[in-house]
C-alpha atoms as a PDB file:
ATOM      1  CA  MET A   1       3.533  -6.256 -18.674  1.00  0.00           C
ATOM      2  CA  GLU A   2       2.573  -4.238 -15.371  1.00  0.00           C
ATOM      3  CA  ARG A   3       4.337  -1.189 -14.235  1.00  0.00           C
ATOM      4  CA  LEU A   4       6.708  -1.553 -11.384  1.00  0.00           C
ATOM      5  CA  LEU A   5       7.277   1.253  -8.983  1.00  0.00           C
ATOM      6  CA  THR A   6      10.072   2.252  -6.869  1.00  0.00           C
ATOM      7  CA  VAL A   7       9.717   2.652  -3.116  1.00  0.00           C
ATOM      8  CA  ASP A   8       9.936   6.462  -3.582  1.00  0.00           C
ATOM      9  CA  GLN A   9       7.040   6.197  -6.115  1.00  0.00           C
ATOM     10  CA  VAL A  10       4.875   4.121  -3.863  1.00  0.00           C
ATOM     11  CA  ALA A  11       5.596   6.478  -0.946  1.00  0.00           C
ATOM     12  CA  GLU A  12       4.428   9.385  -3.083  1.00  0.00           C
ATOM     13  CA  ARG A  13       1.073   7.528  -4.203  1.00  0.00           C
ATOM     14  CA  LEU A  14       0.325   6.761  -0.562  1.00  0.00           C
ATOM     15  CA  GLY A  15       1.066  10.100   0.593  1.00  0.00           C
ATOM     16  CA  THR A  16       3.545   8.972   3.038  1.00  0.00           C
ATOM     17  CA  GLY A  17       7.088   9.045   3.791  1.00  0.00           C
ATOM     18  CA  VAL A  18       9.628   6.724   2.228  1.00  0.00           C
ATOM     19  CA  ARG A  19      10.454   5.166   5.500  1.00  0.00           C
ATOM     20  CA  PHE A  20       6.589   3.751   5.828  1.00  0.00           C
ATOM     21  CA  ALA A  21       6.819   2.473   2.481  1.00  0.00           C
ATOM     22  CA  ARG A  22      10.070   0.522   3.232  1.00  0.00           C
ATOM     23  CA  ARG A  23       8.561  -0.725   6.433  1.00  0.00           C
ATOM     24  CA  LEU A  24       5.639  -2.231   4.276  1.00  0.00           C
ATOM     25  CA  VAL A  25       8.290  -4.063   2.297  1.00  0.00           C
ATOM     26  CA  GLU A  26      10.342  -5.131   5.323  1.00  0.00           C
ATOM     27  CA  GLU A  27       7.312  -6.428   7.281  1.00  0.00           C
ATOM     28  CA  ARG A  28       6.037  -8.037   4.112  1.00  0.00           C
ATOM     29  CA  ARG A  29       2.787  -6.204   4.363  1.00  0.00           C
ATOM     30  CA  ILE A  30       2.747  -5.380   0.616  1.00  0.00           C
ATOM     31  CA  ARG A  31       3.792  -7.592  -2.489  1.00  0.00           C
ATOM     32  CA  TYR A  32       7.095  -6.752  -4.123  1.00  0.00           C
ATOM     33  CA  VAL A  33       9.670  -7.999  -6.628  1.00  0.00           C
ATOM     34  CA  LYS A  34      13.390  -8.050  -6.210  1.00  0.00           C
ATOM     35  CA  VAL A  35      15.251  -7.016  -9.350  1.00  0.00           C
ATOM     36  CA  GLY A  36      18.826  -7.790  -8.249  1.00  0.00           C
ATOM     37  CA  ARG A  37      19.151  -5.848  -5.026  1.00  0.00           C
ATOM     38  CA  HIS A  38      16.487  -3.361  -6.051  1.00  0.00           C
ATOM     39  CA  VAL A  39      12.920  -3.508  -4.585  1.00  0.00           C
ATOM     40  CA  ARG A  40       9.970  -2.800  -7.052  1.00  0.00           C
ATOM     41  CA  ILE A  41       6.420  -2.900  -6.131  1.00  0.00           C
ATOM     42  CA  PRO A  42       3.755  -3.694  -8.803  1.00  0.00           C
ATOM     43  CA  GLU A  43       0.990  -0.986  -9.371  1.00  0.00           C
ATOM     44  CA  SER A  44      -1.701  -3.722  -8.563  1.00  0.00           C
ATOM     45  CA  ALA A  45       0.048  -4.444  -5.126  1.00  0.00           C
ATOM     46  CA  VAL A  46      -0.606  -0.684  -4.269  1.00  0.00           C
ATOM     47  CA  ARG A  47      -4.131  -0.894  -5.334  1.00  0.00           C
ATOM     48  CA  ASP A  48      -4.651  -4.072  -3.342  1.00  0.00           C
ATOM     49  CA  TYR A  49      -2.873  -2.749  -0.246  1.00  0.00           C
ATOM     50  CA  LEU A  50      -5.269   0.429  -0.368  1.00  0.00           C
ATOM     51  CA  ALA A  51      -8.308  -1.759  -1.081  1.00  0.00           C
ATOM     52  CA  ALA A  52      -7.486  -3.988   1.992  1.00  0.00           C
ATOM     53  CA  HIS A  53      -7.099  -1.003   4.318  1.00  0.00           C
ATOM     54  CA  THR A  54      -9.897   1.185   3.090  1.00  0.00           C
ATOM     55  CA  VAL A  55     -12.443   1.806   5.813  1.00  0.00           C
ATOM     56  CA  GLU A  56     -16.069   2.505   4.751  1.00  0.00           C
ATOM     57  CA  PRO A  57     -18.054   5.244   6.415  1.00  0.00           C
ATOM     58  CA  VAL A  58     -20.898   4.127   8.858  1.00  0.00           C
ATOM     59  CA  ARG A  59     -24.283   5.049   7.633  1.00  0.00           C
ATOM     60  CA  ALA A  60     -26.367   7.136  10.092  1.00  0.00           C
ATOM     61  CA  GLY A  61     -28.789   4.465  10.717  1.00  0.00           C
ATOM     62  CA  LEU A  62     -26.167   1.712  11.545  1.00  0.00           C
ATOM     63  CA  ARG A  63     -24.566   3.171  14.567  1.00  0.00           C
ATOM     64  CA  ARG A  64     -24.159   1.128  17.598  1.00  0.00           C
ATOM     65  CA  ALA A  65     -25.465   2.140  21.040  1.00  0.00           C
ATOM     66  CA  ALA A  66     -22.948   3.110  23.564  1.00  0.00           C
END
């Protein structure tokens, strides 16, 4: 079974405040599980969120002309 993280643990892994992690849940921008009244976020959801919001650098030869 996959490990479920608390909102505090997700905030720590993202390097953000708890408020940001709670907002991700509230706005349904990250998958989560309700365990009673507790919110838990699967580790894979954090990986998926990071992968979806990762911006790759532009190589020098591919810059657009201004």
